[in-house]
């Protein structure tokens, strides 16, 4: 059964695991996430899905329709809402709360976030180009080189790797191991680095392509 939580990336640290090895982990404050809506194939929506929320919000910052939607589910104002598909939504009902205890230590998860924005960057930083000769007299040290060829083809092909905006895109990293769960603090310690900066929202879900042992 697929499980999902909305959380906030708090930063990175390192801890010792069960084999006394030092492991780099990212600390995520995940949940609690109340269920705000349940969609079923038999209902007007026509598909199975669950909507959950995260983060307290002031009523003054929400529209009447948003407040009505949450009050109908018996949930206090929330700043974030995320919908995810499930095979059978009958096991959920509005008002249920999903916490970090839905996951277990050692479980593999996928993490979805927004990468850090790097602004306008050249090809060496953006695509890891090696650059051109840096000898005296050479004037194209960090430039990409030729991108077209006069009459044939007479234009630059689409998709050519060139300087441009880098970062600030949705990114999914897969098969991270949950090293430790602290349910009393709603914290998950996930192995490795995750997309985004400190304080950014992330979505933690059951791994879809978990590697078989």
N, C-alpha and C. Protein backbone atom coordinates (compact mmCIF):
# COMPACT_ATOMS: atom_id res chain seq x y z
N UNK A 1 0.84 -1.20 0.00
CA UNK A 1 0.00 0.00 0.00
C UNK A 1 0.88 1.26 0.00
N UNK A 2 0.59 2.18 -0.91
CA UNK A 2 1.36 3.40 -0.99
C UNK A 2 1.05 4.31 0.19
N UNK A 3 2.09 4.87 0.78
CA UNK A 3 1.94 5.83 1.88
C UNK A 3 2.66 7.10 1.49
N UNK A 4 2.17 8.23 1.98
CA UNK A 4 2.78 9.50 1.62
C UNK A 4 2.63 10.48 2.77
N UNK A 5 3.63 11.35 2.92
CA UNK A 5 3.62 12.39 3.94
C UNK A 5 4.20 13.67 3.35
N UNK A 6 3.67 14.79 3.80
CA UNK A 6 4.26 16.09 3.46
C UNK A 6 5.14 16.49 4.62
N UNK A 7 6.31 17.02 4.32
CA UNK A 7 7.23 17.40 5.39
C UNK A 7 8.04 18.62 5.04
N UNK A 8 8.92 18.99 5.96
CA UNK A 8 9.80 20.14 5.79
C UNK A 8 11.24 19.71 6.04
N UNK A 9 12.11 20.04 5.11
CA UNK A 9 13.53 19.70 5.25
C UNK A 9 14.18 20.63 6.27
N UNK A 10 14.76 20.03 7.32
CA UNK A 10 15.38 20.82 8.39
C UNK A 10 16.88 20.97 8.24
N UNK A 11 17.52 20.07 7.49
CA UNK A 11 18.97 20.13 7.32
C UNK A 11 19.58 18.75 7.38
N UNK A 12 20.91 18.69 7.37
CA UNK A 12 21.63 17.42 7.38
C UNK A 12 22.46 17.27 8.64
N UNK A 13 22.70 16.03 9.02
CA UNK A 13 23.57 15.70 10.13
C UNK A 13 24.11 14.30 9.88
N UNK A 14 24.72 13.69 10.89
CA UNK A 14 25.22 12.33 10.74
C UNK A 14 25.03 11.58 12.05
N UNK A 15 24.70 10.28 11.93
CA UNK A 15 24.48 9.45 13.11
C UNK A 15 25.13 8.09 12.88
N UNK A 16 25.29 7.34 13.96
CA UNK A 16 25.80 5.98 13.85
C UNK A 16 24.62 5.02 13.69
N UNK A 17 24.74 4.09 12.73
CA UNK A 17 23.67 3.12 12.53
C UNK A 17 23.91 1.88 13.39
N UNK A 18 23.15 0.80 13.13
CA UNK A 18 23.24 -0.41 13.93
C UNK A 18 24.57 -1.12 13.83
N UNK A 19 25.30 -0.89 12.73
CA UNK A 19 26.61 -1.53 12.56
C UNK A 19 27.74 -0.63 13.01
N UNK A 20 27.40 0.46 13.72
CA UNK A 20 28.38 1.42 14.24
C UNK A 20 29.11 2.16 13.11
N UNK A 21 28.42 2.31 11.98
CA UNK A 21 28.98 3.07 10.85
C UNK A 21 28.35 4.46 10.85
N UNK A 22 29.16 5.46 10.51
CA UNK A 22 28.67 6.83 10.47
C UNK A 22 27.91 7.06 9.16
N UNK A 23 26.66 7.52 9.26
CA UNK A 23 25.81 7.69 8.09
C UNK A 23 25.33 9.13 7.99
N UNK A 24 25.45 9.72 6.81
CA UNK A 24 24.93 11.07 6.58
C UNK A 24 23.43 10.99 6.35
N UNK A 25 22.67 11.79 7.09
CA UNK A 25 21.22 11.75 6.99
C UNK A 25 20.65 13.17 6.85
N UNK A 26 19.47 13.23 6.25
CA UNK A 26 18.72 14.49 6.18
C UNK A 26 17.56 14.40 7.16
N UNK A 27 17.39 15.43 7.97
CA UNK A 27 16.32 15.46 8.96
C UNK A 27 15.09 16.11 8.33
N UNK A 28 13.97 15.38 8.36
CA UNK A 28 12.72 15.87 7.78
C UNK A 28 11.63 15.87 8.85
N UNK A 29 11.00 17.02 9.04
CA UNK A 29 9.83 17.09 9.91
C UNK A 29 8.61 16.72 9.07
N UNK A 30 8.12 15.50 9.21
CA UNK A 30 7.06 14.97 8.36
C UNK A 30 5.77 14.82 9.14
N UNK A 31 4.72 15.49 8.67
CA UNK A 31 3.42 15.39 9.30
C UNK A 31 3.40 16.13 10.64
N UNK A 32 2.32 15.91 11.41
CA UNK A 32 1.16 15.09 11.06
C UNK A 32 0.35 15.68 9.92
N UNK A 33 -0.19 14.78 9.07
CA UNK A 33 -0.92 15.20 7.88
C UNK A 33 -2.36 14.69 7.95
N UNK A 34 -3.32 15.58 8.21
CA UNK A 34 -4.72 15.14 8.24
C UNK A 34 -5.27 14.90 6.84
N UNK A 35 -6.16 13.93 6.72
CA UNK A 35 -6.82 13.64 5.45
C UNK A 35 -7.94 14.66 5.26
N UNK A 36 -7.90 15.40 4.16
CA UNK A 36 -8.88 16.46 3.92
C UNK A 36 -9.94 16.07 2.90
N UNK A 37 -9.65 15.06 2.07
CA UNK A 37 -10.65 14.63 1.08
C UNK A 37 -10.32 13.23 0.60
N UNK A 38 -11.35 12.44 0.35
CA UNK A 38 -11.20 11.10 -0.19
C UNK A 38 -12.00 11.01 -1.48
N UNK A 39 -11.35 10.60 -2.57
CA UNK A 39 -12.01 10.49 -3.87
C UNK A 39 -12.10 9.01 -4.26
N UNK A 40 -13.24 8.60 -4.78
CA UNK A 40 -13.45 7.20 -5.14
C UNK A 40 -13.89 7.09 -6.59
N UNK A 41 -13.66 5.92 -7.16
CA UNK A 41 -14.05 5.67 -8.55
C UNK A 41 -15.57 5.67 -8.70
N UNK A 42 -16.27 5.30 -7.62
CA UNK A 42 -17.73 5.25 -7.69
C UNK A 42 -18.36 6.64 -7.53
N UNK A 43 -17.61 7.59 -6.98
CA UNK A 43 -18.12 8.93 -6.75
C UNK A 43 -18.05 9.79 -7.99
N UNK A 44 -18.27 11.10 -7.79
CA UNK A 44 -18.27 12.03 -8.91
C UNK A 44 -16.88 12.25 -9.50
N UNK A 45 -15.83 11.93 -8.71
CA UNK A 45 -14.47 12.15 -9.20
C UNK A 45 -14.06 11.10 -10.23
N UNK A 46 -14.49 9.86 -10.03
CA UNK A 46 -14.21 8.82 -11.02
C UNK A 46 -12.85 8.17 -10.89
N UNK A 47 -12.12 8.42 -9.80
CA UNK A 47 -10.84 7.76 -9.57
C UNK A 47 -10.54 7.72 -8.08
N UNK A 48 -9.61 6.83 -7.71
CA UNK A 48 -9.26 6.63 -6.30
C UNK A 48 -8.09 7.53 -5.93
N UNK A 49 -8.30 8.40 -4.95
CA UNK A 49 -7.22 9.30 -4.51
C UNK A 49 -7.52 9.80 -3.10
N UNK A 50 -6.46 10.27 -2.45
CA UNK A 50 -6.57 10.83 -1.10
C UNK A 50 -5.84 12.17 -1.09
N UNK A 51 -6.47 13.17 -0.46
CA UNK A 51 -5.85 14.49 -0.32
C UNK A 51 -5.47 14.70 1.14
N UNK A 52 -4.23 15.11 1.38
CA UNK A 52 -3.75 15.36 2.74
C UNK A 52 -3.20 16.77 2.84
N UNK A 53 -3.09 17.29 4.07
CA UNK A 53 -2.60 18.64 4.28
C UNK A 53 -1.45 18.67 5.27
N UNK A 54 -0.79 19.83 5.32
CA UNK A 54 0.36 19.99 6.23
C UNK A 54 0.56 21.46 6.54
N UNK A 55 0.92 21.75 7.78
CA UNK A 55 1.30 23.11 8.17
C UNK A 55 0.11 23.97 8.54
N UNK A 56 0.13 24.54 9.74
CA UNK A 56 -0.95 25.41 10.20
C UNK A 56 -0.95 26.72 9.42
N UNK A 57 -2.15 27.27 9.24
CA UNK A 57 -2.31 28.53 8.51
C UNK A 57 -3.36 29.40 9.20
N UNK A 58 -3.21 30.72 9.10
CA UNK A 58 -4.21 31.63 9.65
C UNK A 58 -5.45 31.65 8.75
N UNK A 59 -6.61 31.73 9.37
CA UNK A 59 -7.85 31.79 8.60
C UNK A 59 -7.90 33.03 7.71
N UNK A 60 -7.30 34.12 8.18
CA UNK A 60 -7.34 35.37 7.43
C UNK A 60 -6.58 35.28 6.10
N UNK A 61 -5.73 34.28 5.97
CA UNK A 61 -4.93 34.13 4.75
C UNK A 61 -5.54 33.11 3.78
N UNK A 62 -6.74 32.66 4.08
CA UNK A 62 -7.38 31.66 3.24
C UNK A 62 -8.70 32.18 2.71
N UNK A 63 -9.11 31.67 1.55
CA UNK A 63 -10.38 32.07 0.96
C UNK A 63 -11.53 31.32 1.64
N UNK A 64 -12.74 31.80 1.42
CA UNK A 64 -13.91 31.16 2.01
C UNK A 64 -14.08 29.73 1.48
N UNK A 65 -13.79 29.54 0.21
CA UNK A 65 -13.94 28.21 -0.37
C UNK A 65 -12.94 27.23 0.22
N UNK A 66 -11.70 27.71 0.47
CA UNK A 66 -10.69 26.85 1.09
C UNK A 66 -11.07 26.49 2.52
N UNK A 67 -11.56 27.48 3.26
CA UNK A 67 -11.98 27.22 4.64
C UNK A 67 -13.16 26.26 4.69
N UNK A 68 -14.11 26.43 3.77
CA UNK A 68 -15.26 25.54 3.72
C UNK A 68 -14.86 24.11 3.39
N UNK A 69 -13.88 23.98 2.48
CA UNK A 69 -13.40 22.65 2.10
C UNK A 69 -12.78 21.93 3.30
N UNK A 70 -12.00 22.65 4.09
CA UNK A 70 -11.34 22.04 5.25
C UNK A 70 -12.30 21.80 6.41
N UNK A 71 -13.23 22.73 6.62
CA UNK A 71 -14.21 22.56 7.71
C UNK A 71 -15.13 21.38 7.43
N UNK A 72 -15.40 21.13 6.16
CA UNK A 72 -16.23 19.97 5.80
C UNK A 72 -15.56 18.67 6.22
N UNK A 73 -14.22 18.66 6.20
CA UNK A 73 -13.47 17.46 6.62
C UNK A 73 -13.18 17.48 8.11
N UNK A 74 -13.56 18.56 8.80
CA UNK A 74 -13.29 18.66 10.23
C UNK A 74 -11.83 18.91 10.53
N UNK A 75 -11.17 19.68 9.65
CA UNK A 75 -9.74 19.94 9.79
C UNK A 75 -9.50 21.43 9.95
N UNK A 76 -8.54 21.80 10.79
CA UNK A 76 -8.19 23.21 10.97
C UNK A 76 -7.45 23.72 9.74
N UNK A 77 -7.35 25.06 9.55
CA UNK A 77 -6.71 25.63 8.36
C UNK A 77 -5.29 25.11 8.14
N UNK A 78 -4.98 24.78 6.89
CA UNK A 78 -3.68 24.22 6.51
C UNK A 78 -3.08 25.03 5.38
N UNK A 79 -1.75 25.08 5.34
CA UNK A 79 -1.07 25.86 4.31
C UNK A 79 -0.78 25.07 3.04
N UNK A 80 -0.69 23.73 3.16
CA UNK A 80 -0.34 22.92 2.00
C UNK A 80 -1.31 21.76 1.85
N UNK A 81 -1.69 21.46 0.59
CA UNK A 81 -2.53 20.32 0.27
C UNK A 81 -1.88 19.53 -0.86
N UNK A 82 -1.86 18.20 -0.72
CA UNK A 82 -1.29 17.33 -1.75
C UNK A 82 -2.23 16.14 -1.96
N UNK A 83 -2.47 15.81 -3.21
CA UNK A 83 -3.32 14.66 -3.54
C UNK A 83 -2.45 13.55 -4.12
N UNK A 84 -2.73 12.30 -3.72
CA UNK A 84 -1.99 11.18 -4.29
C UNK A 84 -2.94 10.03 -4.59
N UNK A 85 -2.63 9.30 -5.65
CA UNK A 85 -3.47 8.19 -6.08
C UNK A 85 -3.24 6.97 -5.20
N UNK A 86 -4.30 6.21 -4.97
CA UNK A 86 -4.22 4.94 -4.24
C UNK A 86 -5.06 3.92 -5.00
N UNK A 87 -4.77 2.64 -4.76
CA UNK A 87 -5.54 1.59 -5.42
C UNK A 87 -6.92 1.44 -4.79
N UNK A 88 -7.02 1.71 -3.48
CA UNK A 88 -8.30 1.61 -2.78
C UNK A 88 -8.34 2.67 -1.69
N UNK A 89 -9.23 3.64 -1.85
CA UNK A 89 -9.32 4.76 -0.91
C UNK A 89 -10.28 4.49 0.24
N UNK A 90 -10.89 3.31 0.26
CA UNK A 90 -11.90 3.01 1.28
C UNK A 90 -11.32 2.95 2.70
N UNK A 91 -9.99 2.73 2.80
CA UNK A 91 -9.37 2.63 4.13
C UNK A 91 -9.09 4.00 4.74
N UNK A 92 -9.35 5.08 3.99
CA UNK A 92 -9.16 6.44 4.50
C UNK A 92 -10.52 7.11 4.69
N UNK A 93 -10.56 8.07 5.60
CA UNK A 93 -11.75 8.90 5.74
C UNK A 93 -11.32 10.29 6.19
N UNK A 94 -12.06 11.34 5.80
CA UNK A 94 -11.69 12.71 6.17
C UNK A 94 -11.55 12.86 7.67
N UNK A 95 -10.50 13.54 8.08
CA UNK A 95 -10.23 13.74 9.49
C UNK A 95 -9.17 12.81 10.04
N UNK A 96 -8.88 11.70 9.35
CA UNK A 96 -7.79 10.81 9.77
C UNK A 96 -6.47 11.57 9.73
N UNK A 97 -5.56 11.19 10.60
CA UNK A 97 -4.25 11.85 10.65
C UNK A 97 -3.15 10.83 10.35
N UNK A 98 -2.31 11.14 9.36
CA UNK A 98 -1.18 10.28 9.00
C UNK A 98 0.08 10.86 9.63
N UNK A 99 0.83 10.02 10.34
CA UNK A 99 2.05 10.46 11.02
C UNK A 99 3.25 9.66 10.51
N UNK A 100 4.41 9.96 11.07
CA UNK A 100 5.62 9.25 10.67
C UNK A 100 5.56 7.77 11.03
N UNK A 101 4.67 7.41 11.93
CA UNK A 101 4.55 6.01 12.33
C UNK A 101 3.97 5.14 11.21
N UNK A 102 3.49 5.77 10.13
CA UNK A 102 3.03 5.00 8.97
C UNK A 102 4.21 4.36 8.24
N UNK A 103 5.42 4.87 8.50
CA UNK A 103 6.64 4.32 7.90
C UNK A 103 7.43 3.58 8.98
N UNK A 104 8.42 2.82 8.56
CA UNK A 104 9.24 2.06 9.50
C UNK A 104 10.72 2.25 9.18
N UNK A 105 11.55 2.08 10.19
CA UNK A 105 13.00 2.22 9.99
C UNK A 105 13.50 1.12 9.05
N UNK A 106 14.38 1.51 8.14
CA UNK A 106 14.90 0.57 7.15
C UNK A 106 14.10 0.54 5.87
N UNK A 107 12.91 1.16 5.87
CA UNK A 107 12.07 1.18 4.66
C UNK A 107 12.66 2.11 3.61
N UNK A 108 12.46 1.76 2.34
CA UNK A 108 12.91 2.60 1.24
C UNK A 108 11.82 3.57 0.84
N UNK A 109 12.19 4.82 0.62
CA UNK A 109 11.22 5.86 0.25
C UNK A 109 11.76 6.69 -0.90
N UNK A 110 10.84 7.32 -1.63
CA UNK A 110 11.19 8.33 -2.63
C UNK A 110 10.89 9.70 -2.02
N UNK A 111 11.71 10.69 -2.36
CA UNK A 111 11.51 12.05 -1.83
C UNK A 111 11.40 13.02 -3.00
N UNK A 112 10.32 13.81 -2.99
CA UNK A 112 10.07 14.79 -4.05
C UNK A 112 10.25 16.18 -3.46
N UNK A 113 11.01 17.01 -4.15
CA UNK A 113 11.22 18.38 -3.68
C UNK A 113 11.58 19.29 -4.85
N UNK A 114 11.85 20.55 -4.53
CA UNK A 114 12.26 21.53 -5.53
C UNK A 114 13.72 21.87 -5.31
N UNK A 115 14.54 21.69 -6.34
CA UNK A 115 15.98 21.90 -6.20
C UNK A 115 16.29 23.38 -5.94
N UNK A 116 17.46 23.63 -5.40
CA UNK A 116 17.90 25.00 -5.15
C UNK A 116 18.05 25.75 -6.47
N UNK A 117 17.62 27.00 -6.49
CA UNK A 117 17.78 27.83 -7.69
C UNK A 117 19.21 28.35 -7.80
N UNK A 118 19.80 28.20 -9.00
CA UNK A 118 21.18 28.66 -9.22
C UNK A 118 21.25 29.85 -10.17
N UNK A 119 20.11 30.32 -10.63
CA UNK A 119 20.12 31.45 -11.55
C UNK A 119 20.61 31.08 -12.94
N UNK A 120 21.13 32.06 -13.68
CA UNK A 120 21.64 31.84 -15.03
C UNK A 120 23.08 31.35 -14.93
N UNK A 121 23.34 30.15 -15.47
CA UNK A 121 24.67 29.56 -15.38
C UNK A 121 25.18 29.12 -16.75
N UNK A 122 26.50 29.05 -16.85
CA UNK A 122 27.13 28.60 -18.09
C UNK A 122 27.13 27.08 -18.19
N UNK A 123 27.66 26.58 -19.30
CA UNK A 123 27.59 25.13 -19.56
C UNK A 123 28.51 24.33 -18.64
N UNK A 124 29.58 24.93 -18.12
CA UNK A 124 30.48 24.18 -17.26
C UNK A 124 29.82 23.83 -15.94
N UNK A 125 29.09 24.78 -15.36
CA UNK A 125 28.39 24.50 -14.11
C UNK A 125 27.06 23.78 -14.36
N UNK A 126 26.38 24.16 -15.45
CA UNK A 126 25.05 23.63 -15.71
C UNK A 126 25.08 22.18 -16.19
N UNK A 127 26.05 21.85 -17.05
CA UNK A 127 26.10 20.51 -17.64
C UNK A 127 27.44 19.80 -17.43
N UNK A 128 28.30 20.39 -16.60
CA UNK A 128 29.58 19.76 -16.28
C UNK A 128 30.51 19.63 -17.50
N UNK A 129 30.43 20.60 -18.42
CA UNK A 129 31.37 20.62 -19.54
C UNK A 129 32.79 20.79 -18.98
N UNK A 130 33.78 20.25 -19.69
CA UNK A 130 35.16 20.34 -19.23
C UNK A 130 35.82 21.66 -19.60
N UNK A 131 35.20 22.44 -20.49
CA UNK A 131 35.78 23.70 -20.90
C UNK A 131 36.77 23.53 -22.04
N UNK A 132 37.37 24.62 -22.48
CA UNK A 132 38.33 24.60 -23.57
C UNK A 132 39.71 25.02 -23.05
N UNK A 133 40.75 24.94 -23.90
CA UNK A 133 42.11 25.23 -23.43
C UNK A 133 42.23 26.57 -22.72
N UNK A 134 43.04 26.59 -21.68
CA UNK A 134 43.24 27.81 -20.90
C UNK A 134 44.62 28.43 -21.17
N UNK A 135 45.19 28.10 -22.31
CA UNK A 135 46.51 28.63 -22.65
C UNK A 135 46.43 30.10 -23.05
N UNK A 136 47.58 30.75 -23.05
CA UNK A 136 47.66 32.18 -23.41
C UNK A 136 47.22 32.38 -24.86
N UNK A 137 46.32 33.34 -25.05
CA UNK A 137 45.85 33.64 -26.39
C UNK A 137 44.52 32.98 -26.71
N UNK A 138 44.16 31.93 -25.98
CA UNK A 138 42.87 31.29 -26.22
C UNK A 138 41.78 32.10 -25.53
N UNK A 139 40.66 32.33 -26.21
CA UNK A 139 39.66 33.26 -25.70
C UNK A 139 38.31 32.59 -25.40
N UNK A 140 38.29 31.25 -25.30
CA UNK A 140 37.01 30.56 -25.08
C UNK A 140 37.14 29.55 -23.94
N UNK A 141 37.71 29.98 -22.81
CA UNK A 141 38.00 29.05 -21.72
C UNK A 141 36.76 28.31 -21.20
N UNK A 142 35.66 29.02 -20.99
CA UNK A 142 34.47 28.42 -20.38
C UNK A 142 33.28 28.40 -21.32
N UNK A 143 33.53 28.59 -22.61
CA UNK A 143 32.43 28.62 -23.57
C UNK A 143 32.20 27.23 -24.18
N UNK A 144 31.00 26.97 -24.69
CA UNK A 144 30.68 25.61 -25.16
C UNK A 144 31.32 25.22 -26.47
N UNK A 145 31.72 26.18 -27.27
CA UNK A 145 32.27 25.81 -28.58
C UNK A 145 31.21 25.91 -29.67
N UNK A 146 31.44 25.22 -30.79
CA UNK A 146 30.53 25.31 -31.93
C UNK A 146 29.18 24.68 -31.61
N UNK A 147 28.09 25.37 -31.98
CA UNK A 147 26.74 24.85 -31.77
C UNK A 147 25.98 24.70 -33.10
N UNK A 148 26.55 25.16 -34.20
CA UNK A 148 25.92 25.04 -35.51
C UNK A 148 26.99 24.93 -36.58
N UNK A 149 26.59 24.79 -37.83
CA UNK A 149 27.59 24.60 -38.88
C UNK A 149 27.15 25.23 -40.20
N UNK A 150 27.12 26.54 -40.25
CA UNK A 150 26.88 27.31 -41.47
C UNK A 150 25.68 26.81 -42.28
N UNK A 151 25.89 26.38 -43.53
CA UNK A 151 24.76 26.03 -44.40
C UNK A 151 24.10 24.71 -44.00
N UNK A 152 24.87 23.78 -43.47
CA UNK A 152 24.30 22.49 -43.09
C UNK A 152 24.52 22.28 -41.59
N UNK A 153 23.51 22.30 -40.77
CA UNK A 153 22.08 22.37 -41.11
C UNK A 153 21.54 23.79 -41.27
N UNK A 154 22.35 24.79 -41.02
CA UNK A 154 21.89 26.16 -41.20
C UNK A 154 21.15 26.73 -40.00
N UNK A 155 21.04 25.95 -38.92
CA UNK A 155 20.41 26.43 -37.70
C UNK A 155 20.91 25.59 -36.53
N UNK A 156 20.59 26.03 -35.34
CA UNK A 156 20.98 25.28 -34.15
C UNK A 156 19.86 24.30 -33.79
N UNK A 157 20.21 23.04 -33.64
CA UNK A 157 19.21 22.02 -33.31
C UNK A 157 18.58 22.30 -31.94
N UNK A 158 17.29 21.97 -31.82
CA UNK A 158 16.61 22.09 -30.54
C UNK A 158 17.21 21.10 -29.54
N UNK A 159 17.24 21.50 -28.27
CA UNK A 159 17.76 20.63 -27.24
C UNK A 159 19.25 20.72 -27.02
N UNK A 160 19.92 21.58 -27.77
CA UNK A 160 21.36 21.74 -27.61
C UNK A 160 21.67 22.25 -26.20
N UNK A 161 22.68 21.67 -25.56
CA UNK A 161 23.05 22.11 -24.21
C UNK A 161 23.75 23.46 -24.28
N UNK A 162 23.13 24.47 -23.69
CA UNK A 162 23.64 25.83 -23.75
C UNK A 162 23.43 26.52 -22.40
N UNK A 163 24.04 27.69 -22.20
CA UNK A 163 23.83 28.40 -20.93
C UNK A 163 22.35 28.73 -20.72
N UNK A 164 21.94 28.82 -19.45
CA UNK A 164 20.55 29.14 -19.17
C UNK A 164 20.23 28.98 -17.70
N UNK A 165 18.94 29.01 -17.40
CA UNK A 165 18.47 28.92 -16.02
C UNK A 165 18.76 27.54 -15.45
N UNK A 166 19.27 27.52 -14.23
CA UNK A 166 19.64 26.26 -13.58
C UNK A 166 18.95 26.14 -12.23
N UNK A 167 18.41 24.98 -11.95
CA UNK A 167 17.78 24.72 -10.66
C UNK A 167 16.34 25.19 -10.60
N UNK A 168 15.76 25.16 -9.37
CA UNK A 168 14.38 25.57 -9.12
C UNK A 168 13.40 24.74 -9.95
N UNK A 169 13.62 23.42 -9.98
CA UNK A 169 12.73 22.51 -10.69
C UNK A 169 12.34 21.36 -9.77
N UNK A 170 11.20 20.75 -10.05
CA UNK A 170 10.74 19.60 -9.28
C UNK A 170 11.66 18.42 -9.54
N UNK A 171 12.06 17.74 -8.46
CA UNK A 171 13.02 16.65 -8.58
C UNK A 171 12.61 15.52 -7.64
N UNK A 172 12.73 14.28 -8.13
CA UNK A 172 12.43 13.10 -7.32
C UNK A 172 13.69 12.26 -7.18
N UNK A 173 14.11 11.99 -5.95
CA UNK A 173 15.23 11.09 -5.71
C UNK A 173 14.67 9.81 -5.10
N UNK A 174 15.18 8.67 -5.55
CA UNK A 174 14.54 7.40 -5.24
C UNK A 174 15.37 6.52 -4.32
N UNK A 175 14.66 5.62 -3.64
CA UNK A 175 15.26 4.55 -2.84
C UNK A 175 16.19 5.04 -1.74
N UNK A 176 15.70 6.03 -0.97
CA UNK A 176 16.41 6.44 0.24
C UNK A 176 15.97 5.54 1.40
N UNK A 177 16.90 5.19 2.26
CA UNK A 177 16.57 4.36 3.41
C UNK A 177 16.26 5.24 4.62
N UNK A 178 15.19 4.89 5.35
CA UNK A 178 14.88 5.59 6.59
C UNK A 178 15.78 5.02 7.69
N UNK A 179 16.69 5.83 8.21
CA UNK A 179 17.64 5.37 9.21
C UNK A 179 17.02 5.38 10.60
N UNK A 180 16.23 6.41 10.90
CA UNK A 180 15.64 6.51 12.24
C UNK A 180 14.36 7.33 12.18
N UNK A 181 13.40 6.96 13.03
CA UNK A 181 12.14 7.68 13.15
C UNK A 181 11.96 8.12 14.60
N UNK A 182 11.61 9.40 14.80
CA UNK A 182 11.36 9.95 16.13
C UNK A 182 9.91 10.42 16.17
N UNK A 183 8.96 9.50 16.47
CA UNK A 183 7.53 9.85 16.40
C UNK A 183 7.11 10.95 17.35
N UNK A 184 7.78 11.06 18.52
CA UNK A 184 7.39 12.09 19.48
C UNK A 184 7.70 13.50 18.98
N UNK A 185 8.62 13.61 18.01
CA UNK A 185 8.98 14.90 17.44
C UNK A 185 8.58 15.03 15.97
N UNK A 186 7.89 14.01 15.43
CA UNK A 186 7.48 13.98 14.01
C UNK A 186 8.68 14.12 13.08
N UNK A 187 9.78 13.45 13.42
CA UNK A 187 11.00 13.56 12.62
C UNK A 187 11.34 12.23 11.96
N UNK A 188 11.87 12.33 10.74
CA UNK A 188 12.41 11.18 10.02
C UNK A 188 13.84 11.50 9.63
N UNK A 189 14.76 10.58 9.88
CA UNK A 189 16.15 10.74 9.47
C UNK A 189 16.37 9.84 8.25
N UNK A 190 16.52 10.47 7.10
CA UNK A 190 16.58 9.75 5.82
C UNK A 190 18.01 9.78 5.29
N UNK A 191 18.50 8.64 4.88
CA UNK A 191 19.89 8.52 4.43
C UNK A 191 20.13 9.32 3.16
N UNK A 192 21.25 10.06 3.14
CA UNK A 192 21.65 10.80 1.96
C UNK A 192 21.09 12.21 1.92
N UNK A 193 21.38 12.90 0.82
CA UNK A 193 20.92 14.28 0.64
C UNK A 193 19.61 14.29 -0.15
N UNK A 194 18.79 15.28 0.13
CA UNK A 194 17.49 15.41 -0.52
C UNK A 194 17.42 16.74 -1.26
N UNK A 195 16.58 16.83 -2.30
CA UNK A 195 16.49 18.09 -3.05
C UNK A 195 15.90 19.22 -2.22
N UNK A 196 16.38 20.43 -2.46
CA UNK A 196 15.83 21.60 -1.80
C UNK A 196 16.76 22.19 -0.75
N UNK A 197 16.41 23.36 -0.29
CA UNK A 197 17.16 24.06 0.74
C UNK A 197 16.51 23.82 2.10
N UNK A 198 17.17 24.25 3.16
CA UNK A 198 16.59 24.13 4.50
C UNK A 198 15.27 24.89 4.57
N UNK A 199 14.27 24.24 5.11
CA UNK A 199 12.96 24.88 5.23
C UNK A 199 12.03 24.61 4.07
N UNK A 200 12.53 24.01 2.99
CA UNK A 200 11.69 23.71 1.83
C UNK A 200 10.78 22.52 2.11
N UNK A 201 9.63 22.52 1.45
CA UNK A 201 8.70 21.41 1.57
C UNK A 201 9.16 20.22 0.73
N UNK A 202 8.97 19.03 1.26
CA UNK A 202 9.28 17.80 0.52
C UNK A 202 8.11 16.83 0.71
N UNK A 203 8.00 15.90 -0.21
CA UNK A 203 6.98 14.85 -0.12
C UNK A 203 7.71 13.52 0.00
N UNK A 204 7.39 12.77 1.03
CA UNK A 204 8.00 11.46 1.26
C UNK A 204 6.95 10.39 0.96
N UNK A 205 7.29 9.46 0.07
CA UNK A 205 6.33 8.42 -0.31
C UNK A 205 7.02 7.07 -0.33
N UNK A 206 6.23 6.02 -0.29
CA UNK A 206 6.75 4.66 -0.42
C UNK A 206 7.49 4.52 -1.75
N UNK A 207 8.67 3.92 -1.75
CA UNK A 207 9.47 3.79 -2.98
C UNK A 207 8.71 3.01 -4.04
N UNK A 208 8.65 3.56 -5.25
CA UNK A 208 7.95 2.91 -6.34
C UNK A 208 8.82 1.92 -7.10
N UNK A 209 10.14 2.10 -7.00
CA UNK A 209 11.06 1.20 -7.71
C UNK A 209 12.07 0.63 -6.73
N UNK A 210 11.57 0.13 -5.63
CA UNK A 210 12.46 -0.40 -4.59
C UNK A 210 13.27 -1.55 -5.14
N UNK A 211 14.58 -1.54 -4.85
CA UNK A 211 15.46 -2.59 -5.32
C UNK A 211 15.22 -3.87 -4.51
N UNK A 212 15.08 -4.97 -5.23
CA UNK A 212 14.84 -6.24 -4.56
C UNK A 212 16.13 -6.77 -3.94
N UNK A 213 16.04 -7.34 -2.76
CA UNK A 213 17.21 -7.87 -2.08
C UNK A 213 17.71 -9.13 -2.77
